[in-house]
C-alpha atoms as a PDB file:
ATOM      1  CA  MET A   1      -6.193  79.049 112.186  1.00  0.00           C
ATOM      2  CA  LYS A   2      -8.883  79.786 114.675  1.00  0.00           C
ATOM      3  CA  ASN A   3      -7.347  82.903 116.192  1.00  0.00           C
ATOM      4  CA  GLU A   4      -4.749  83.722 113.534  1.00  0.00           C
ATOM      5  CA  THR A   5      -1.886  82.782 115.854  1.00  0.00           C
ATOM      6  CA  ILE A   6       0.321  79.868 114.993  1.00  0.00           C
ATOM      7  CA  PRO A   7       2.047  78.072 117.854  1.00  0.00           C
ATOM      8  CA  CYS A   8       5.780  77.455 117.854  1.00  0.00           C
ATOM      9  CA  PHE A   9       7.012  74.006 116.824  1.00  0.00           C
ATOM     10  CA  SER A  10       7.256  72.655 120.382  1.00  0.00           C
ATOM     11  CA  LYS A  11       3.554  73.399 120.906  1.00  0.00           C
ATOM     12  CA  MET A  12       2.403  71.948 117.584  1.00  0.00           C
ATOM     13  CA  PRO A  13       0.353  68.762 117.822  1.00  0.00           C
ATOM     14  CA  ARG A  14       2.225  65.599 116.844  1.00  0.00           C
ATOM     15  CA  SER A  15      -0.755  63.673 115.446  1.00  0.00           C
ATOM     16  CA  TYR A  16      -2.306  64.251 112.039  1.00  0.00           C
ATOM     17  CA  PRO A  17      -5.900  64.607 113.291  1.00  0.00           C
ATOM     18  CA  CYS A  18      -4.843  67.199 115.876  1.00  0.00           C
ATOM     19  CA  LEU A  19      -2.892  69.144 113.255  1.00  0.00           C
ATOM     20  CA  CYS A  20      -5.976  69.143 111.047  1.00  0.00           C
ATOM     21  CA  ARG A  21      -8.069  70.457 113.942  1.00  0.00           C
ATOM     22  CA  LEU A  22      -5.575  73.284 114.335  1.00  0.00           C
ATOM     23  CA  PHE A  23      -5.582  74.099 110.610  1.00  0.00           C
ATOM     24  CA  LEU A  24      -7.585  71.987 108.166  1.00  0.00           C
ATOM     25  CA  PRO A  25      -5.781  71.835 104.802  1.00  0.00           C
ATOM     26  CA  ARG A  26      -7.879  73.260 101.983  1.00  0.00           C
ATOM     27  CA  PRO A  27      -7.229  74.387  98.435  1.00  0.00           C
ATOM     28  CA  ILE A  28      -5.783  77.881  98.323  1.00  0.00           C
ATOM     29  CA  ARG A  29      -8.201  80.390  96.837  1.00  0.00           C
ATOM     30  CA  ASP A  30      -6.759  83.644  98.149  1.00  0.00           C
ATOM     31  CA  ARG A  31      -3.534  85.279  99.293  1.00  0.00           C
ATOM     32  CA  ARG A  32      -4.511  85.135 102.970  1.00  0.00           C
ATOM     33  CA  THR A  33      -4.807  81.332 102.936  1.00  0.00           C
ATOM     34  CA  TYR A  34      -1.551  81.107 101.004  1.00  0.00           C
ATOM     35  CA  GLU A  35       0.211  83.150 103.678  1.00  0.00           C
ATOM     36  CA  LYS A  36      -1.269  81.063 106.520  1.00  0.00           C
ATOM     37  CA  ILE A  37      -0.132  77.812 104.959  1.00  0.00           C
ATOM     38  CA  SER A  38       3.282  79.301 104.238  1.00  0.00           C
ATOM     39  CA  ARG A  39       3.639  80.310 107.906  1.00  0.00           C
ATOM     40  CA  VAL A  40       2.735  76.831 109.123  1.00  0.00           C
ATOM     41  CA  VAL A  41       5.208  75.216 106.730  1.00  0.00           C
ATOM     42  CA  SER A  42       7.936  77.662 107.747  1.00  0.00           C
ATOM     43  CA  ILE A  43       7.462  76.774 111.437  1.00  0.00           C
ATOM     44  CA  PHE A  44       8.172  73.128 110.652  1.00  0.00           C
ATOM     45  CA  ALA A  45      10.950  73.772 108.128  1.00  0.00           C
ATOM     46  CA  GLU A  46      13.683  74.080 110.727  1.00  0.00           C
ATOM     47  CA  PHE A  47      12.648  70.918 112.560  1.00  0.00           C
ATOM     48  CA  LYS A  48      12.590  68.275 109.827  1.00  0.00           C
ATOM     49  CA  ASN A  49      14.603  65.799 111.893  1.00  0.00           C
ATOM     50  CA  GLU A  50      12.391  66.254 114.952  1.00  0.00           C
ATOM     51  CA  MET A  51       9.005  65.824 113.277  1.00  0.00           C
ATOM     52  CA  SER A  52       6.742  62.865 113.919  1.00  0.00           C
ATOM     53  CA  VAL A  53       5.597  60.814 110.933  1.00  0.00           C
ATOM     54  CA  ASP A  54       2.187  62.507 111.144  1.00  0.00           C
ATOM     55  CA  GLN A  55       3.771  65.963 111.206  1.00  0.00           C
ATOM     56  CA  ARG A  56       5.873  65.067 108.164  1.00  0.00           C
ATOM     57  CA  ASP A  57       2.792  63.826 106.277  1.00  0.00           C
ATOM     58  CA  TYR A  58       0.882  66.965 107.219  1.00  0.00           C
ATOM     59  CA  ILE A  59       3.681  69.279 106.079  1.00  0.00           C
ATOM     60  CA  ASP A  60       4.161  67.281 102.876  1.00  0.00           C
ATOM     61  CA  LEU A  61       0.468  67.804 102.102  1.00  0.00           C
ATOM     62  CA  LEU A  62       0.676  71.529 102.839  1.00  0.00           C
ATOM     63  CA  GLY A  63       3.780  71.724 100.659  1.00  0.00           C
ATOM     64  CA  GLU A  64       1.921  70.079  97.783  1.00  0.00           C
ATOM     65  CA  ILE A  65      -0.973  72.512  98.212  1.00  0.00           C
ATOM     66  CA  LEU A  66       1.470  75.448  98.125  1.00  0.00           C
ATOM     67  CA  ALA A  67       3.264  74.089  95.062  1.00  0.00           C
ATOM     68  CA  ARG A  68      -0.016  73.578  93.205  1.00  0.00           C
ATOM     69  CA  TYR A  69      -1.167  77.092  94.025  1.00  0.00           C
ATOM     70  CA  GLU A  70       2.161  78.582  92.951  1.00  0.00           C
ATOM     71  CA  GLU A  71       2.107  76.652  89.674  1.00  0.00           C
ATOM     72  CA  ILE A  72      -1.474  77.681  88.907  1.00  0.00           C
ATOM     73  CA  ALA A  73      -0.654  81.277  89.842  1.00  0.00           C
ATOM     74  CA  ARG A  74       2.323  81.151  87.466  1.00  0.00           C
ATOM     75  CA  VAL A  75       0.153  79.802  84.646  1.00  0.00           C
ATOM     76  CA  ARG A  76      -2.616  82.306  85.437  1.00  0.00           C
ATOM     77  CA  GLY A  77      -0.027  85.048  85.309  1.00  0.00           C
ATOM     78  CA  SER A  78       0.506  84.189  81.681  1.00  0.00           C
ATOM     79  CA  ARG A  79      -3.166  85.106  81.124  1.00  0.00           C
ATOM     80  CA  ASN A  80      -3.617  82.180  78.813  1.00  0.00           C
ATOM     81  CA  PRO A  81      -6.705  80.092  79.608  1.00  0.00           C
ATOM     82  CA  ARG A  82      -5.564  77.298  77.266  1.00  0.00           C
ATOM     83  CA  LYS A  83      -2.276  76.945  79.169  1.00  0.00           C
ATOM     84  CA  LEU A  84      -4.211  76.809  82.409  1.00  0.00           C
ATOM     85  CA  LEU A  85      -6.518  74.123  81.003  1.00  0.00           C
ATOM     86  CA  LYS A  86      -3.553  72.096  79.699  1.00  0.00           C
ATOM     87  CA  ARG A  87      -1.877  72.297  83.099  1.00  0.00           C
ATOM     88  CA  LEU A  88      -5.035  71.222  84.924  1.00  0.00           C
ATOM     89  CA  ILE A  89      -5.490  68.283  82.542  1.00  0.00           C
ATOM     90  CA  GLU A  90      -1.923  67.179  83.280  1.00  0.00           C
ATOM     91  CA  GLU A  91      -2.362  67.616  87.041  1.00  0.00           C
ATOM     92  CA  HIS A  92      -5.539  65.564  87.041  1.00  0.00           C
ATOM     93  CA  LYS A  93      -3.963  62.905  84.789  1.00  0.00           C
ATOM     94  CA  MET A  94      -6.741  63.326  82.277  1.00  0.00           C
ATOM     95  CA  ARG A  95      -6.935  62.706  78.564  1.00  0.00           C
ATOM     96  CA  ILE A  96      -8.216  65.365  76.195  1.00  0.00           C
ATOM     97  CA  ALA A  97     -11.232  63.146  75.514  1.00  0.00           C
ATOM     98  CA  ASP A  98     -12.114  63.418  79.220  1.00  0.00           C
ATOM     99  CA  LEU A  99     -13.114  67.033  78.578  1.00  0.00           C
ATOM    100  CA  SER A 100     -16.134  66.030  76.474  1.00  0.00           C
ATOM    101  CA  PRO A 101     -18.455  65.073  79.349  1.00  0.00           C
ATOM    102  CA  ILE A 102     -17.310  68.128  81.294  1.00  0.00           C
ATOM    103  CA  LEU A 103     -18.006  70.492  78.412  1.00  0.00           C
ATOM    104  CA  GLY A 104     -21.148  68.606  77.437  1.00  0.00           C
ATOM    105  CA  LYS A 105     -20.343  68.865  73.758  1.00  0.00           C
ATOM    106  CA  SER A 106     -18.740  66.889  70.935  1.00  0.00           C
ATOM    107  CA  LEU A 107     -15.753  64.622  71.473  1.00  0.00           C
ATOM    108  CA  SER A 108     -13.485  66.957  69.515  1.00  0.00           C
ATOM    109  CA  LEU A 109     -14.331  70.188  71.365  1.00  0.00           C
ATOM    110  CA  GLY A 110     -11.634  69.746  74.023  1.00  0.00           C
ATOM    111  CA  SER A 111      -9.024  69.109  71.357  1.00  0.00           C
ATOM    112  CA  MET A 112     -10.213  72.112  69.348  1.00  0.00           C
ATOM    113  CA  ILE A 113      -9.994  74.389  72.402  1.00  0.00           C
ATOM    114  CA  LEU A 114      -6.516  73.169  73.310  1.00  0.00           C
ATOM    115  CA  SER A 115      -5.267  73.621  69.742  1.00  0.00           C
ATOM    116  CA  GLY A 116      -6.695  77.143  69.516  1.00  0.00           C
ATOM    117  CA  GLN A 117      -9.322  76.340  66.888  1.00  0.00           C
ATOM    118  CA  ARG A 118     -12.087  77.214  69.372  1.00  0.00           C
ATOM    119  CA  THR A 119     -12.170  79.572  72.324  1.00  0.00           C
ATOM    120  CA  ILE A 120     -13.510  78.841  75.770  1.00  0.00           C
ATOM    121  CA  THR A 121     -16.993  80.316  75.979  1.00  0.00           C
ATOM    122  CA  PRO A 122     -18.512  81.583  79.243  1.00  0.00           C
ATOM    123  CA  GLU A 123     -20.601  78.385  79.373  1.00  0.00           C
ATOM    124  CA  HIS A 124     -17.459  76.256  78.974  1.00  0.00           C
ATOM    125  CA  ALA A 125     -15.699  78.350  81.630  1.00  0.00           C
ATOM    126  CA  VAL A 126     -18.468  77.677  84.165  1.00  0.00           C
ATOM    127  CA  ARG A 127     -18.412  73.934  83.482  1.00  0.00           C
ATOM    128  CA  LEU A 128     -14.607  73.742  83.672  1.00  0.00           C
ATOM    129  CA  ALA A 129     -14.513  75.846  86.823  1.00  0.00           C
ATOM    130  CA  ASP A 130     -17.070  73.603  88.521  1.00  0.00           C
ATOM    131  CA  TYR A 131     -15.044  70.542  87.614  1.00  0.00           C
ATOM    132  CA  PHE A 132     -11.599  71.888  88.581  1.00  0.00           C
ATOM    133  CA  GLY A 133     -12.748  73.908  91.584  1.00  0.00           C
ATOM    134  CA  ILE A 134     -11.579  77.341  90.459  1.00  0.00           C
ATOM    135  CA  ARG A 135     -13.285  80.560  89.389  1.00  0.00           C
ATOM    136  CA  PRO A 136     -14.819  80.623  85.870  1.00  0.00           C
ATOM    137  CA  ASP A 137     -13.056  83.880  84.975  1.00  0.00           C
ATOM    138  CA  GLU A 138      -9.710  82.025  85.082  1.00  0.00           C
ATOM    139  CA  PHE A 139     -10.738  80.370  81.816  1.00  0.00           C
ATOM    140  CA  LEU A 140     -11.722  83.583  80.049  1.00  0.00           C
ATOM    141  CA  ILE A 141      -9.338  85.917  78.255  1.00  0.00           C
ATOM    142  CA  LYS A 142      -8.821  88.984  80.361  1.00  0.00           C
END
């Protein structure tokens, strides 16, 4: 939001491009963004039957972004980098073998990490973070 104020529903744009100009959806990387998106979604929540198709699509997207953030936060809360990696693989509809080019190592490394035979090194964490768009420390045991 440009000035941190969110208009009421009646003043919200009805077209998708105008909604994006008001608040461009982005991945959530901090609590402040999470709260902004939550506020926008809550404004629309009471007006489901009055929304335009574009407004519905926009809110559906924001809802998916919120759900993804909440799921990752839940997994991160477990402080288990392997669980986080498993969840990200599922979300991205990947196979374990797809980790090999990301990690830049042998075909079995991804499988070994996920089974607990190998740990995620700082180098692996950087590569995984670059690929999945999160911070490297999320993949390291805290």
